[in-house]
Amino acid sequence: MAQCDFCGKSKMFGRNIRYNHGGKWELRAPKTNRVFNPNVQRTRILVDGKLQRVHICTRCLRTRQKTA
């Protein structure tokens, strides 16, 4: 997965905890590692008056549309 050319957002790592936890079982609940991938799109946008093909996350894409 690519990273955003504007904000630098890239994949993050975290834990997946199964839902069968409650009370004392919470400490022993099965946990696995997982990856959170950003929603990065490859689009053509105007940068400095020229059309460029860039990787941009949807959050930055929405922000650019609001300010334009």
PDB file of N, CA and C in Angstrom:
ATOM      1  N   MET A   1       0.833  -1.165   0.000  1.00  0.00           N
ATOM      2  CA  MET A   1       0.000   0.000   0.000  1.00  0.00           C
ATOM      3  C   MET A   1       0.880   1.232   0.000  1.00  0.00           C
ATOM      4  N   ALA A   2       0.530   2.212  -0.793  1.00  0.00           N
ATOM      5  CA  ALA A   2       1.304   3.440  -0.885  1.00  0.00           C
ATOM      6  C   ALA A   2       0.963   4.376   0.271  1.00  0.00           C
ATOM      7  N   GLN A   3       1.749   5.420   0.396  1.00  0.00           N
ATOM      8  CA  GLN A   3       1.448   6.417   1.407  1.00  0.00           C
ATOM      9  C   GLN A   3       1.033   7.714   0.734  1.00  0.00           C
ATOM     10  N   CYS A   4       0.317   8.540   1.466  1.00  0.00           N
ATOM     11  CA  CYS A   4      -0.205   9.799   0.934  1.00  0.00           C
ATOM     12  C   CYS A   4       0.949  10.758   0.665  1.00  0.00           C
ATOM     13  N   ASP A   5       0.937  11.392  -0.517  1.00  0.00           N
ATOM     14  CA  ASP A   5       1.994  12.339  -0.870  1.00  0.00           C
ATOM     15  C   ASP A   5       1.827  13.679  -0.153  1.00  0.00           C
ATOM     16  N   PHE A   6       0.656  13.953   0.407  1.00  0.00           N
ATOM     17  CA  PHE A   6       0.411  15.241   1.049  1.00  0.00           C
ATOM     18  C   PHE A   6       0.615  15.196   2.558  1.00  0.00           C
ATOM     19  N   CYS A   7       0.007  14.216   3.221  1.00  0.00           N
ATOM     20  CA  CYS A   7       0.117  14.183   4.686  1.00  0.00           C
ATOM     21  C   CYS A   7       1.074  13.103   5.170  1.00  0.00           C
ATOM     22  N   GLY A   8       1.497  12.185   4.297  1.00  0.00           N
ATOM     23  CA  GLY A   8       2.430  11.149   4.691  1.00  0.00           C
ATOM     24  C   GLY A   8       1.796   9.991   5.442  1.00  0.00           C
ATOM     25  N   LYS A   9       0.469   9.897   5.392  1.00  0.00           N
ATOM     26  CA  LYS A   9      -0.221   8.821   6.100  1.00  0.00           C
ATOM     27  C   LYS A   9       0.140   7.489   5.459  1.00  0.00           C
ATOM     28  N   SER A  10       0.507   6.517   6.286  1.00  0.00           N
ATOM     29  CA  SER A  10       0.858   5.191   5.791  1.00  0.00           C
ATOM     30  C   SER A  10       0.249   4.154   6.732  1.00  0.00           C
ATOM     31  N   LYS A  11       0.591   2.897   6.527  1.00  0.00           N
ATOM     32  CA  LYS A  11      -0.041   1.856   7.330  1.00  0.00           C
ATOM     33  C   LYS A  11       0.373   1.946   8.794  1.00  0.00           C
ATOM     34  N   MET A  12      -0.562   1.568   9.674  1.00  0.00           N
ATOM     35  CA  MET A  12      -0.327   1.567  11.108  1.00  0.00           C
ATOM     36  C   MET A  12      -0.584   0.156  11.621  1.00  0.00           C
ATOM     37  N   PHE A  13       0.021  -0.174  12.741  1.00  0.00           N
ATOM     38  CA  PHE A  13      -0.118  -1.495  13.315  1.00  0.00           C
ATOM     39  C   PHE A  13      -0.906  -1.415  14.609  1.00  0.00           C
ATOM     40  N   GLY A  14      -1.673  -2.458  14.887  1.00  0.00           N
ATOM     41  CA  GLY A  14      -2.464  -2.496  16.100  1.00  0.00           C
ATOM     42  C   GLY A  14      -2.756  -3.927  16.494  1.00  0.00           C
ATOM     43  N   ARG A  15      -3.709  -4.094  17.405  1.00  0.00           N
ATOM     44  CA  ARG A  15      -4.071  -5.419  17.894  1.00  0.00           C
ATOM     45  C   ARG A  15      -5.544  -5.670  17.608  1.00  0.00           C
ATOM     46  N   ASN A  16      -5.868  -6.900  17.318  1.00  0.00           N
ATOM     47  CA  ASN A  16      -7.249  -7.333  17.175  1.00  0.00           C
ATOM     48  C   ASN A  16      -7.570  -8.207  18.378  1.00  0.00           C
ATOM     49  N   ILE A  17      -8.519  -7.776  19.213  1.00  0.00           N
ATOM     50  CA  ILE A  17      -8.898  -8.508  20.409  1.00  0.00           C
ATOM     51  C   ILE A  17     -10.271  -9.132  20.165  1.00  0.00           C
ATOM     52  N   ARG A  18     -10.384 -10.441  20.295  1.00  0.00           N
ATOM     53  CA  ARG A  18     -11.656 -11.110  20.071  1.00  0.00           C
ATOM     54  C   ARG A  18     -12.667 -10.677  21.122  1.00  0.00           C
ATOM     55  N   TYR A  19     -13.931 -10.745  20.747  1.00  0.00           N
ATOM     56  CA  TYR A  19     -14.955 -10.160  21.606  1.00  0.00           C
ATOM     57  C   TYR A  19     -15.320 -11.030  22.801  1.00  0.00           C
ATOM     58  N   ASN A  20     -14.847 -12.276  22.864  1.00  0.00           N
ATOM     59  CA  ASN A  20     -15.251 -13.117  23.988  1.00  0.00           C
ATOM     60  C   ASN A  20     -14.460 -12.750  25.242  1.00  0.00           C
ATOM     61  N   HIS A  21     -14.529 -11.487  25.628  1.00  0.00           N
ATOM     62  CA  HIS A  21     -13.858 -11.063  26.848  1.00  0.00           C
ATOM     63  C   HIS A  21     -14.848 -10.302  27.725  1.00  0.00           C
ATOM     64  N   GLY A  22     -14.676 -10.451  28.974  1.00  0.00           N
ATOM     65  CA  GLY A  22     -15.505  -9.776  29.960  1.00  0.00           C
ATOM     66  C   GLY A  22     -15.087 -10.283  31.330  1.00  0.00           C
ATOM     67  N   GLY A  23     -14.936  -9.401  32.267  1.00  0.00           N
ATOM     68  CA  GLY A  23     -14.497  -9.804  33.598  1.00  0.00           C
ATOM     69  C   GLY A  23     -13.032 -10.209  33.582  1.00  0.00           C
ATOM     70  N   LYS A  24     -12.713 -11.351  34.185  1.00  0.00           N
ATOM     71  CA  LYS A  24     -11.320 -11.792  34.246  1.00  0.00           C
ATOM     72  C   LYS A  24     -10.816 -12.338  32.905  1.00  0.00           C
ATOM     73  N   TRP A  25     -11.746 -12.704  32.016  1.00  0.00           N
ATOM     74  CA  TRP A  25     -11.339 -13.250  30.728  1.00  0.00           C
ATOM     75  C   TRP A  25     -10.648 -12.195  29.865  1.00  0.00           C
ATOM     76  N   GLU A  26     -10.842 -10.930  30.162  1.00  0.00           N
ATOM     77  CA  GLU A  26     -10.298  -9.841  29.343  1.00  0.00           C
ATOM     78  C   GLU A  26      -8.775  -9.925  29.235  1.00  0.00           C
ATOM     79  N   LEU A  27      -8.115 -10.330  30.319  1.00  0.00           N
ATOM     80  CA  LEU A  27      -6.657 -10.423  30.284  1.00  0.00           C
ATOM     81  C   LEU A  27      -6.183 -11.585  29.429  1.00  0.00           C
ATOM     82  N   ARG A  28      -7.022 -12.637  29.303  1.00  0.00           N
ATOM     83  CA  ARG A  28      -6.618 -13.815  28.554  1.00  0.00           C
ATOM     84  C   ARG A  28      -7.250 -13.889  27.179  1.00  0.00           C
ATOM     85  N   ALA A  29      -7.956 -12.841  26.749  1.00  0.00           N
ATOM     86  CA  ALA A  29      -8.635 -12.866  25.452  1.00  0.00           C
ATOM     87  C   ALA A  29      -7.602 -13.000  24.334  1.00  0.00           C
ATOM     88  N   PRO A  30      -7.898 -13.807  23.315  1.00  0.00           N
ATOM     89  CA  PRO A  30      -6.948 -13.981  22.211  1.00  0.00           C
ATOM     90  C   PRO A  30      -6.711 -12.662  21.472  1.00  0.00           C
ATOM     91  N   LYS A  31      -5.462 -12.340  21.287  1.00  0.00           N
ATOM     92  CA  LYS A  31      -5.086 -11.105  20.609  1.00  0.00           C
ATOM     93  C   LYS A  31      -4.178 -11.452  19.441  1.00  0.00           C
ATOM     94  N   THR A  32      -4.421 -10.830  18.300  1.00  0.00           N
ATOM     95  CA  THR A  32      -3.563 -11.023  17.133  1.00  0.00           C
ATOM     96  C   THR A  32      -3.169  -9.656  16.590  1.00  0.00           C
ATOM     97  N   ASN A  33      -2.031  -9.598  15.950  1.00  0.00           N
ATOM     98  CA  ASN A  33      -1.589  -8.354  15.337  1.00  0.00           C
ATOM     99  C   ASN A  33      -2.335  -8.134  14.030  1.00  0.00           C
ATOM    100  N   ARG A  34      -2.550  -6.880  13.695  1.00  0.00           N
ATOM    101  CA  ARG A  34      -3.213  -6.548  12.445  1.00  0.00           C
ATOM    102  C   ARG A  34      -2.685  -5.232  11.913  1.00  0.00           C
ATOM    103  N   VAL A  35      -3.030  -4.918  10.661  1.00  0.00           N
ATOM    104  CA  VAL A  35      -2.545  -3.726   9.982  1.00  0.00           C
ATOM    105  C   VAL A  35      -3.740  -2.852   9.613  1.00  0.00           C
ATOM    106  N   PHE A  36      -3.641  -1.567   9.893  1.00  0.00           N
ATOM    107  CA  PHE A  36      -4.636  -0.592   9.461  1.00  0.00           C
ATOM    108  C   PHE A  36      -4.072   0.124   8.239  1.00  0.00           C
ATOM    109  N   ASN A  37      -4.648  -0.134   7.068  1.00  0.00           N
ATOM    110  CA  ASN A  37      -4.190   0.513   5.842  1.00  0.00           C
ATOM    111  C   ASN A  37      -4.997   1.777   5.591  1.00  0.00           C
ATOM    112  N   PRO A  38      -4.348   2.861   5.153  1.00  0.00           N
ATOM    113  CA  PRO A  38      -5.082   4.082   4.830  1.00  0.00           C
ATOM    114  C   PRO A  38      -5.798   3.931   3.501  1.00  0.00           C
ATOM    115  N   ASN A  39      -6.831   4.711   3.317  1.00  0.00           N
ATOM    116  CA  ASN A  39      -7.592   4.693   2.070  1.00  0.00           C
ATOM    117  C   ASN A  39      -6.900   5.644   1.085  1.00  0.00           C
ATOM    118  N   VAL A  40      -5.889   5.136   0.393  1.00  0.00           N
ATOM    119  CA  VAL A  40      -5.083   5.947  -0.518  1.00  0.00           C
ATOM    120  C   VAL A  40      -5.528   5.668  -1.945  1.00  0.00           C
ATOM    121  N   GLN A  41      -5.829   6.736  -2.682  1.00  0.00           N
ATOM    122  CA  GLN A  41      -6.261   6.637  -4.068  1.00  0.00           C
ATOM    123  C   GLN A  41      -5.193   7.250  -4.972  1.00  0.00           C
ATOM    124  N   ARG A  42      -5.114   6.753  -6.192  1.00  0.00           N
ATOM    125  CA  ARG A  42      -4.181   7.326  -7.164  1.00  0.00           C
ATOM    126  C   ARG A  42      -5.000   8.153  -8.137  1.00  0.00           C
ATOM    127  N   THR A  43      -4.869   9.475  -8.052  1.00  0.00           N
ATOM    128  CA  THR A  43      -5.694  10.364  -8.860  1.00  0.00           C
ATOM    129  C   THR A  43      -4.830  11.405  -9.532  1.00  0.00           C
ATOM    130  N   ARG A  44      -5.430  12.075 -10.501  1.00  0.00           N
ATOM    131  CA  ARG A  44      -4.763  13.189 -11.176  1.00  0.00           C
ATOM    132  C   ARG A  44      -5.382  14.478 -10.665  1.00  0.00           C
ATOM    133  N   ILE A  45      -4.559  15.341 -10.061  1.00  0.00           N
ATOM    134  CA  ILE A  45      -5.046  16.608  -9.527  1.00  0.00           C
ATOM    135  C   ILE A  45      -4.121  17.720  -9.987  1.00  0.00           C
ATOM    136  N   LEU A  46      -4.616  18.947  -9.868  1.00  0.00           N
ATOM    137  CA  LEU A  46      -3.806  20.112 -10.239  1.00  0.00           C
ATOM    138  C   LEU A  46      -2.860  20.461  -9.103  1.00  0.00           C
ATOM    139  N   VAL A  47      -1.567  20.433  -9.396  1.00  0.00           N
ATOM    140  CA  VAL A  47      -0.549  20.831  -8.431  1.00  0.00           C
ATOM    141  C   VAL A  47       0.334  21.856  -9.122  1.00  0.00           C
ATOM    142  N   ASP A  48       0.335  23.079  -8.619  1.00  0.00           N
ATOM    143  CA  ASP A  48       1.095  24.182  -9.211  1.00  0.00           C
ATOM    144  C   ASP A  48       0.735  24.412 -10.677  1.00  0.00           C
ATOM    145  N   GLY A  49      -0.550  24.302 -11.000  1.00  0.00           N
ATOM    146  CA  GLY A  49      -1.011  24.571 -12.356  1.00  0.00           C
ATOM    147  C   GLY A  49      -0.796  23.444 -13.347  1.00  0.00           C
ATOM    148  N   LYS A  50      -0.298  22.306 -12.910  1.00  0.00           N
ATOM    149  CA  LYS A  50      -0.080  21.169 -13.802  1.00  0.00           C
ATOM    150  C   LYS A  50      -0.825  19.961 -13.264  1.00  0.00           C
ATOM    151  N   LEU A  51      -1.343  19.129 -14.173  1.00  0.00           N
ATOM    152  CA  LEU A  51      -1.972  17.882 -13.759  1.00  0.00           C
ATOM    153  C   LEU A  51      -0.893  16.878 -13.405  1.00  0.00           C
ATOM    154  N   GLN A  52      -0.971  16.350 -12.197  1.00  0.00           N
ATOM    155  CA  GLN A  52      -0.013  15.343 -11.759  1.00  0.00           C
ATOM    156  C   GLN A  52      -0.765  14.155 -11.205  1.00  0.00           C
ATOM    157  N   ARG A  53      -0.196  12.981 -11.421  1.00  0.00           N
ATOM    158  CA  ARG A  53      -0.766  11.758 -10.856  1.00  0.00           C
ATOM    159  C   ARG A  53      -0.107  11.527  -9.502  1.00  0.00           C
ATOM    160  N   VAL A  54      -0.918  11.543  -8.448  1.00  0.00           N
ATOM    161  CA  VAL A  54      -0.390  11.442  -7.094  1.00  0.00           C
ATOM    162  C   VAL A  54      -1.182  10.404  -6.313  1.00  0.00           C
ATOM    163  N   HIS A  55      -0.559   9.909  -5.250  1.00  0.00           N
ATOM    164  CA  HIS A  55      -1.253   9.083  -4.262  1.00  0.00           C
ATOM    165  C   HIS A  55      -1.755  10.026  -3.183  1.00  0.00           C
ATOM    166  N   ILE A  56      -3.063  10.003  -2.940  1.00  0.00           N
ATOM    167  CA  ILE A  56      -3.642  10.920  -1.965  1.00  0.00           C
ATOM    168  C   ILE A  56      -4.708  10.169  -1.163  1.00  0.00           C
ATOM    169  N   CYS A  57      -4.696  10.383   0.155  1.00  0.00           N
ATOM    170  CA  CYS A  57      -5.706   9.727   0.993  1.00  0.00           C
ATOM    171  C   CYS A  57      -7.032  10.478   0.838  1.00  0.00           C
ATOM    172  N   THR A  58      -8.111   9.795   1.138  1.00  0.00           N
ATOM    173  CA  THR A  58      -9.424  10.375   0.922  1.00  0.00           C
ATOM    174  C   THR A  58      -9.685  11.562   1.844  1.00  0.00           C
ATOM    175  N   ARG A  59      -9.053  11.583   3.006  1.00  0.00           N
ATOM    176  CA  ARG A  59      -9.220  12.725   3.913  1.00  0.00           C
ATOM    177  C   ARG A  59      -8.620  13.984   3.286  1.00  0.00           C
ATOM    178  N   CYS A  60      -7.433  13.884   2.696  1.00  0.00           N
ATOM    179  CA  CYS A  60      -6.814  15.029   2.038  1.00  0.00           C
ATOM    180  C   CYS A  60      -7.580  15.424   0.784  1.00  0.00           C
ATOM    181  N   LEU A  61      -8.130  14.429   0.072  1.00  0.00           N
ATOM    182  CA  LEU A  61      -8.902  14.699  -1.128  1.00  0.00           C
ATOM    183  C   LEU A  61     -10.154  15.504  -0.781  1.00  0.00           C
ATOM    184  N   ARG A  62     -10.837  15.134   0.296  1.00  0.00           N
ATOM    185  CA  ARG A  62     -12.017  15.871   0.727  1.00  0.00           C
ATOM    186  C   ARG A  62     -11.648  17.294   1.164  1.00  0.00           C
ATOM    187  N   THR A  63     -10.530  17.432   1.871  1.00  0.00           N
ATOM    188  CA  THR A  63     -10.107  18.748   2.331  1.00  0.00           C
ATOM    189  C   THR A  63      -9.770  19.651   1.148  1.00  0.00           C
ATOM    190  N   ARG A  64      -9.114  19.097   0.129  1.00  0.00           N
ATOM    191  CA  ARG A  64      -8.787  19.890  -1.061  1.00  0.00           C
ATOM    192  C   ARG A  64     -10.030  20.336  -1.788  1.00  0.00           C
ATOM    193  N   GLN A  65     -11.057  19.490  -1.837  1.00  0.00           N
ATOM    194  CA  GLN A  65     -12.311  19.869  -2.509  1.00  0.00           C
ATOM    195  C   GLN A  65     -13.041  20.963  -1.741  1.00  0.00           C
ATOM    196  N   LYS A  66     -12.945  20.927  -0.415  1.00  0.00           N
ATOM    197  CA  LYS A  66     -13.629  21.948   0.383  1.00  0.00           C
ATOM    198  C   LYS A  66     -12.959  23.302   0.252  1.00  0.00           C
ATOM    199  N   THR A  67     -11.624  23.332   0.138  1.00  0.00           N
ATOM    200  CA  THR A  67     -10.908  24.606   0.094  1.00  0.00           C
ATOM    201  C   THR A  67     -10.813  25.162  -1.314  1.00  0.00           C
ATOM    202  N   ALA A  68     -11.071  24.334  -2.329  1.00  0.00           N
ATOM    203  CA  ALA A  68     -10.950  24.807  -3.712  1.00  0.00           C
ATOM    204  C   ALA A  68     -12.171  25.589  -4.142  1.00  0.00           C
TER     205      ALA A  68
END
